């Protein structure tokens, strides 16, 4: 059977609709994958990693996003290239010094 409606109790109004959810930030943005690849390559192949990181950062900057992996890849690439140049100079100078002091007359 049906419940009798008590006229002294007003009916409960329906719940208002839920507000729309704000758009979530995208998980990917232009240059994200390239920035990660540049960061990894900057550790093993600094020049290639530096170039990829610069390209990735440029793509992200043009799209209005901040690309931290690309920025870190740029820094690591520059630091490792400078270290490589310094080590090469040291090895070259040491090699020249060793060769100049070595008696090659047998």
C-alpha atoms as a PDB file:
ATOM      1  CA  UNK A   1       0.000   0.000   0.000  1.00  0.00           C
ATOM      2  CA  UNK A   2       0.968   3.581  -0.247  1.00  0.00           C
ATOM      3  CA  UNK A   3       1.991   5.761   2.650  1.00  0.00           C
ATOM      4  CA  UNK A   4      -0.468   8.488   3.437  1.00  0.00           C
ATOM      5  CA  UNK A   5       0.898  11.981   2.836  1.00  0.00           C
ATOM      6  CA  UNK A   6       0.892  14.111   5.954  1.00  0.00           C
ATOM      7  CA  UNK A   7      -0.126  17.644   4.914  1.00  0.00           C
ATOM      8  CA  UNK A   8       1.769  19.143   7.863  1.00  0.00           C
ATOM      9  CA  UNK A   9       5.161  17.932   6.540  1.00  0.00           C
ATOM     10  CA  UNK A  10       6.258  19.737   3.360  1.00  0.00           C
ATOM     11  CA  UNK A  11       7.781  17.573   0.637  1.00  0.00           C
ATOM     12  CA  UNK A  12      11.586  17.473   0.462  1.00  0.00           C
ATOM     13  CA  UNK A  13      12.854  19.279  -2.627  1.00  0.00           C
ATOM     14  CA  UNK A  14      15.215  17.331  -4.886  1.00  0.00           C
ATOM     15  CA  UNK A  15      18.952  17.849  -4.339  1.00  0.00           C
ATOM     16  CA  UNK A  16      20.529  20.427  -6.622  1.00  0.00           C
ATOM     17  CA  UNK A  17      22.747  19.062  -9.375  1.00  0.00           C
ATOM     18  CA  UNK A  18      26.425  18.725  -8.567  1.00  0.00           C
ATOM     19  CA  UNK A  19      28.612  21.529  -9.871  1.00  0.00           C
ATOM     20  CA  UNK A  20      30.681  20.626 -12.940  1.00  0.00           C
ATOM     21  CA  UNK A  21      34.180  19.376 -12.242  1.00  0.00           C
ATOM     22  CA  UNK A  22      36.978  21.677 -13.394  1.00  0.00           C
ATOM     23  CA  UNK A  23      39.007  20.412 -16.308  1.00  0.00           C
ATOM     24  CA  UNK A  24      41.979  18.444 -15.081  1.00  0.00           C
ATOM     25  CA  UNK A  25      45.433  19.467 -16.207  1.00  0.00           C
ATOM     26  CA  UNK A  26      46.597  17.299 -19.076  1.00  0.00           C
ATOM     27  CA  UNK A  27      49.068  14.567 -18.207  1.00  0.00           C
ATOM     28  CA  UNK A  28      51.089  15.322 -21.293  1.00  0.00           C
ATOM     29  CA  UNK A  29      52.141  18.534 -22.922  1.00  0.00           C
ATOM     30  CA  UNK A  30      54.248  19.367 -25.959  1.00  0.00           C
ATOM     31  CA  UNK A  31      57.872  18.444 -25.414  1.00  0.00           C
ATOM     32  CA  UNK A  32      57.372  16.329 -22.278  1.00  0.00           C
ATOM     33  CA  UNK A  33      58.604  13.054 -23.767  1.00  0.00           C
ATOM     34  CA  UNK A  34      61.379  14.807 -25.646  1.00  0.00           C
ATOM     35  CA  UNK A  35      62.429  16.530 -22.421  1.00  0.00           C
ATOM     36  CA  UNK A  36      62.681  13.222 -20.584  1.00  0.00           C
ATOM     37  CA  UNK A  37      64.646  11.696 -23.467  1.00  0.00           C
ATOM     38  CA  UNK A  38      66.937  14.734 -23.498  1.00  0.00           C
ATOM     39  CA  UNK A  39      67.519  14.413 -19.767  1.00  0.00           C
ATOM     40  CA  UNK A  40      68.479  10.744 -20.051  1.00  0.00           C
ATOM     41  CA  UNK A  41      70.680  11.318 -23.092  1.00  0.00           C
ATOM     42  CA  UNK A  42      72.353  14.297 -21.415  1.00  0.00           C
ATOM     43  CA  UNK A  43      73.823  11.857 -18.904  1.00  0.00           C
ATOM     44  CA  UNK A  44      75.221   9.411 -21.486  1.00  0.00           C
ATOM     45  CA  UNK A  45      75.618  11.563 -24.637  1.00  0.00           C
ATOM     46  CA  UNK A  46      75.753  15.158 -23.379  1.00  0.00           C
ATOM     47  CA  UNK A  47      75.747  16.968 -26.736  1.00  0.00           C
ATOM     48  CA  UNK A  48      72.760  15.048 -28.115  1.00  0.00           C
ATOM     49  CA  UNK A  49      70.929  15.336 -24.793  1.00  0.00           C
ATOM     50  CA  UNK A  50      71.597  19.069 -24.706  1.00  0.00           C
ATOM     51  CA  UNK A  51      70.177  19.549 -28.204  1.00  0.00           C
ATOM     52  CA  UNK A  52      67.068  17.452 -27.468  1.00  0.00           C
ATOM     53  CA  UNK A  53      66.490  19.252 -24.183  1.00  0.00           C
ATOM     54  CA  UNK A  54      66.713  22.656 -25.868  1.00  0.00           C
ATOM     55  CA  UNK A  55      64.203  21.582 -28.525  1.00  0.00           C
ATOM     56  CA  UNK A  56      61.837  20.152 -25.877  1.00  0.00           C
ATOM     57  CA  UNK A  57      62.026  23.270 -23.730  1.00  0.00           C
ATOM     58  CA  UNK A  58      61.317  25.445 -26.754  1.00  0.00           C
ATOM     59  CA  UNK A  59      58.243  23.371 -27.676  1.00  0.00           C
ATOM     60  CA  UNK A  60      56.907  23.508 -24.130  1.00  0.00           C
ATOM     61  CA  UNK A  61      57.593  27.219 -23.779  1.00  0.00           C
ATOM     62  CA  UNK A  62      55.713  27.956 -27.015  1.00  0.00           C
ATOM     63  CA  UNK A  63      52.734  25.947 -25.694  1.00  0.00           C
ATOM     64  CA  UNK A  64      52.849  27.771 -22.348  1.00  0.00           C
ATOM     65  CA  UNK A  65      54.073  24.896 -20.186  1.00  0.00           C
ATOM     66  CA  UNK A  66      57.062  24.582 -17.876  1.00  0.00           C
ATOM     67  CA  UNK A  67      59.253  21.608 -18.791  1.00  0.00           C
ATOM     68  CA  UNK A  68      61.453  20.817 -15.800  1.00  0.00           C
ATOM     69  CA  UNK A  69      63.066  17.644 -17.246  1.00  0.00           C
ATOM     70  CA  UNK A  70      64.178  19.611 -20.301  1.00  0.00           C
ATOM     71  CA  UNK A  71      65.654  22.373 -18.128  1.00  0.00           C
ATOM     72  CA  UNK A  72      67.521  19.812 -16.010  1.00  0.00           C
ATOM     73  CA  UNK A  73      68.719  18.119 -19.218  1.00  0.00           C
ATOM     74  CA  UNK A  74      70.097  21.445 -20.465  1.00  0.00           C
ATOM     75  CA  UNK A  75      71.970  22.055 -17.212  1.00  0.00           C
ATOM     76  CA  UNK A  76      73.368  18.514 -17.032  1.00  0.00           C
ATOM     77  CA  UNK A  77      74.331  18.584 -20.712  1.00  0.00           C
ATOM     78  CA  UNK A  78      76.225  21.867 -20.357  1.00  0.00           C
ATOM     79  CA  UNK A  79      77.988  20.761 -17.160  1.00  0.00           C
ATOM     80  CA  UNK A  80      79.073  17.408 -18.616  1.00  0.00           C
ATOM     81  CA  UNK A  81      80.269  19.012 -21.866  1.00  0.00           C
ATOM     82  CA  UNK A  82      82.386  21.499 -19.907  1.00  0.00           C
ATOM     83  CA  UNK A  83      83.788  18.688 -17.733  1.00  0.00           C
ATOM     84  CA  UNK A  84      84.557  16.683 -20.888  1.00  0.00           C
ATOM     85  CA  UNK A  85      86.427  19.632 -22.427  1.00  0.00           C
ATOM     86  CA  UNK A  86      88.434  20.183 -19.237  1.00  0.00           C
ATOM     87  CA  UNK A  87      89.324  16.486 -18.957  1.00  0.00           C
ATOM     88  CA  UNK A  88      90.334  16.402 -22.641  1.00  0.00           C
ATOM     89  CA  UNK A  89      92.636  19.392 -22.159  1.00  0.00           C
ATOM     90  CA  UNK A  90      94.208  17.792 -19.067  1.00  0.00           C
ATOM     91  CA  UNK A  91      94.758  14.504 -20.899  1.00  0.00           C
ATOM     92  CA  UNK A  92      96.233  16.314 -23.908  1.00  0.00           C
ATOM     93  CA  UNK A  93      98.642  18.343 -21.777  1.00  0.00           C
ATOM     94  CA  UNK A  94      99.646  15.277 -19.745  1.00  0.00           C
ATOM     95  CA  UNK A  95     100.189  13.238 -22.912  1.00  0.00           C
ATOM     96  CA  UNK A  96     102.336  15.969 -24.447  1.00  0.00           C
ATOM     97  CA  UNK A  97     104.372  16.209 -21.247  1.00  0.00           C
ATOM     98  CA  UNK A  98     104.921  12.451 -21.138  1.00  0.00           C
ATOM     99  CA  UNK A  99     105.907  12.296 -24.789  1.00  0.00           C
ATOM    100  CA  UNK A 100     108.331  15.215 -24.457  1.00  0.00           C
ATOM    101  CA  UNK A 101     110.087  13.650 -21.488  1.00  0.00           C
ATOM    102  CA  UNK A 102     110.239  10.140 -22.900  1.00  0.00           C
ATOM    103  CA  UNK A 103     113.508   9.136 -24.553  1.00  0.00           C
ATOM    104  CA  UNK A 104     112.543   7.484 -27.807  1.00  0.00           C
ATOM    105  CA  UNK A 105     116.125   6.580 -28.781  1.00  0.00           C
ATOM    106  CA  UNK A 106     116.456   2.856 -28.390  1.00  0.00           C
END
